[in-house]
Amino acid sequence: MSRLCCLLLLLLSVPATAQPAVPLDAAAFDKLTGYYRLAPELRPNTVVTVSREGEHFFIQLTRQPAREILAESPTSFFMQGVPVKISFELGPDGKATGLVIHQGGRDGPAPRIDEATAKAIEALPPPQRHGHMVARTWTMMPGIAPRL
């Protein structure tokens, strides 16, 4: 799993050091809400949706559940218990033009897209996995099938 997005999509509850969230005005966060397209080479047909419900902020990838994100600054966020950070790039008007997902020493850029484009991408079929899901590194023995 060398892809940044695969790591993010798993969203495993990997122990991470507790980090305090800083308060963020909901109106300031609203400039970040919207749709972003994750680079197709990282994860094809994937849209990152950033939303707000009351005073809670969320990020959701196509075909994944929404996860709450917490602010460490007005443009930088993290997920509690997951070693991932999300930073937003702002335009001259203060509205987000893109985001970058930081995980495992890698950065996954995602430019902002409009809702119609996001819905069209989300309607595409999920990427097909090719090959076997488990690495075949064991010696095959005649007549014995490996247990998966």
Protein backbone atom coordinates (compact mmCIF):
# COMPACT_ATOMS: atom_id res chain seq x y z
CA MET A 1 0.00 0.00 0.00
CA SER A 2 2.26 2.70 -1.23
CA ARG A 3 -0.50 5.09 -2.14
CA LEU A 4 -1.27 7.95 0.20
CA CYS A 5 -4.94 7.65 -0.50
CA CYS A 6 -5.10 3.96 0.30
CA LEU A 7 -3.78 4.78 3.72
CA LEU A 8 -6.30 7.55 4.17
CA LEU A 9 -9.19 5.47 2.91
CA LEU A 10 -8.50 2.76 5.41
CA LEU A 11 -8.86 5.29 8.22
CA LEU A 12 -7.69 2.74 10.71
CA SER A 13 -7.74 3.69 14.32
CA VAL A 14 -3.98 3.77 14.57
CA PRO A 15 -2.89 5.12 17.93
CA ALA A 16 -1.75 8.70 17.57
CA THR A 17 -0.77 11.19 20.20
CA ALA A 18 -3.70 13.19 21.48
CA GLN A 19 -3.67 16.64 20.01
CA PRO A 20 -5.76 19.52 21.29
CA ALA A 21 -8.09 21.20 18.83
CA VAL A 22 -8.24 24.97 18.60
CA PRO A 23 -11.60 26.72 18.38
CA LEU A 24 -12.59 27.79 14.87
CA ASP A 25 -15.43 30.05 13.85
CA ALA A 26 -18.01 28.14 11.77
CA ALA A 27 -18.21 31.04 9.28
CA ALA A 28 -14.46 30.79 8.68
CA PHE A 29 -14.78 27.05 8.09
CA ASP A 30 -17.59 27.59 5.59
CA LYS A 31 -15.00 29.08 3.20
CA LEU A 32 -13.36 25.65 3.16
CA THR A 33 -16.47 23.52 2.63
CA GLY A 34 -17.04 22.04 -0.78
CA TYR A 35 -15.75 19.39 -3.14
CA TYR A 36 -12.17 18.52 -4.05
CA ARG A 37 -10.87 15.97 -6.56
CA LEU A 38 -8.18 13.65 -5.28
CA ALA A 39 -5.46 13.07 -7.86
CA PRO A 40 -6.54 10.16 -10.10
CA GLU A 41 -3.10 8.54 -9.81
CA LEU A 42 -3.60 8.33 -6.04
CA ARG A 43 -7.21 7.13 -6.10
CA PRO A 44 -9.29 7.23 -9.31
CA ASN A 45 -12.87 8.48 -9.23
CA THR A 46 -12.56 9.91 -5.72
CA VAL A 47 -14.01 13.15 -4.44
CA VAL A 48 -13.16 14.65 -1.05
CA THR A 49 -16.22 16.35 0.45
CA VAL A 50 -15.64 18.86 3.26
CA SER A 51 -18.74 19.78 5.24
CA ARG A 52 -19.99 21.25 8.51
CA GLU A 53 -22.80 20.20 10.82
CA GLY A 54 -23.28 22.84 13.48
CA GLU A 55 -19.90 23.31 15.16
CA HIS A 56 -18.49 20.01 13.86
CA PHE A 57 -16.38 19.73 10.70
CA PHE A 58 -16.22 16.62 8.50
CA ILE A 59 -14.28 15.15 5.59
CA GLN A 60 -15.59 12.31 3.46
CA LEU A 61 -14.09 10.44 0.53
CA THR A 62 -16.23 8.80 -2.14
CA ARG A 63 -17.63 5.46 -0.92
CA GLN A 64 -16.32 6.09 2.61
CA PRO A 65 -18.01 7.26 5.81
CA ALA A 66 -17.55 10.86 6.93
CA ARG A 67 -14.91 11.48 9.60
CA GLU A 68 -14.73 14.46 11.92
CA ILE A 69 -11.75 16.76 11.53
CA LEU A 70 -10.46 19.12 14.19
CA ALA A 71 -8.71 22.44 13.66
CA GLU A 72 -5.10 23.01 14.62
CA SER A 73 -5.17 26.38 12.79
CA PRO A 74 -7.67 28.14 10.50
CA THR A 75 -6.34 26.20 7.47
CA SER A 76 -4.88 23.03 9.00
CA PHE A 77 -6.88 20.11 10.41
CA PHE A 78 -6.32 16.65 11.85
CA MET A 79 -8.31 13.52 12.69
CA GLN A 80 -8.27 12.31 16.27
CA GLY A 81 -6.61 8.88 16.49
CA VAL A 82 -5.49 8.83 12.84
CA PRO A 83 -2.07 10.11 11.76
CA VAL A 84 -3.41 12.32 8.98
CA LYS A 85 -3.47 16.09 8.47
CA ILE A 86 -5.41 18.16 5.97
CA SER A 87 -4.28 21.64 4.94
CA PHE A 88 -6.19 24.05 2.75
CA GLU A 89 -4.82 26.42 0.14
CA LEU A 90 -6.64 29.76 0.02
CA GLY A 91 -7.27 32.09 -2.89
CA PRO A 92 -7.15 35.91 -2.75
CA ASP A 93 -10.81 36.00 -1.66
CA GLY A 94 -10.07 33.76 1.34
CA LYS A 95 -11.99 30.82 -0.12
CA ALA A 96 -10.23 27.45 -0.43
CA THR A 97 -8.86 26.62 -3.88
CA GLY A 98 -7.57 23.19 -2.91
CA LEU A 99 -6.51 20.94 -0.10
CA VAL A 100 -3.57 18.67 0.61
CA ILE A 101 -3.81 15.44 2.58
CA HIS A 102 -0.60 14.75 4.51
CA GLN A 103 0.00 11.19 5.68
CA GLY A 104 2.99 8.93 6.06
CA GLY A 105 5.41 11.56 4.76
CA ARG A 106 3.45 11.97 1.53
CA ASP A 107 1.21 14.73 0.25
CA GLY A 108 -1.96 14.18 -1.77
CA PRO A 109 -3.17 17.38 -3.48
CA ALA A 110 -6.83 17.85 -4.37
CA PRO A 111 -7.99 20.95 -6.28
CA ARG A 112 -11.45 22.36 -5.59
CA ILE A 113 -14.20 21.36 -8.05
CA ASP A 114 -17.83 22.36 -8.45
CA GLU A 115 -20.76 20.25 -7.24
CA ALA A 116 -21.79 19.07 -10.72
CA THR A 117 -18.28 17.77 -11.43
CA ALA A 118 -18.17 16.09 -8.01
CA LYS A 119 -21.49 14.30 -8.60
CA ALA A 120 -20.33 13.15 -12.05
CA ILE A 121 -17.09 11.73 -10.59
CA GLU A 122 -18.92 10.04 -7.71
CA ALA A 123 -21.30 8.39 -10.20
CA LEU A 124 -18.39 6.65 -11.93
CA PRO A 125 -17.80 3.01 -10.97
CA PRO A 126 -15.20 2.30 -8.30
CA PRO A 127 -11.73 1.51 -9.61
CA GLN A 128 -11.15 -2.14 -10.41
CA ARG A 129 -8.51 -3.99 -8.48
CA HIS A 130 -6.27 -6.10 -10.64
CA GLY A 131 -4.50 -9.18 -9.47
CA HIS A 132 -4.72 -10.98 -6.18
CA MET A 133 -5.51 -9.02 -3.00
CA VAL A 134 -2.89 -10.89 -0.94
CA ALA A 135 0.77 -10.86 -1.87
CA ARG A 136 1.85 -14.32 -2.95
CA THR A 137 5.22 -14.60 -1.35
CA TRP A 138 4.96 -18.18 -0.10
CA THR A 139 6.15 -21.28 -1.90
CA MET A 140 3.30 -23.07 -3.61
CA MET A 141 3.03 -26.74 -2.75
CA PRO A 142 1.38 -29.10 -5.26
CA GLY A 143 -2.13 -30.07 -4.22
CA ILE A 144 -2.28 -27.65 -1.27
CA ALA A 145 -4.27 -24.45 -1.60
CA PRO A 146 -3.31 -21.54 0.66
CA ARG A 147 -5.90 -20.32 3.16
CA LEU A 148 -6.83 -16.68 2.70
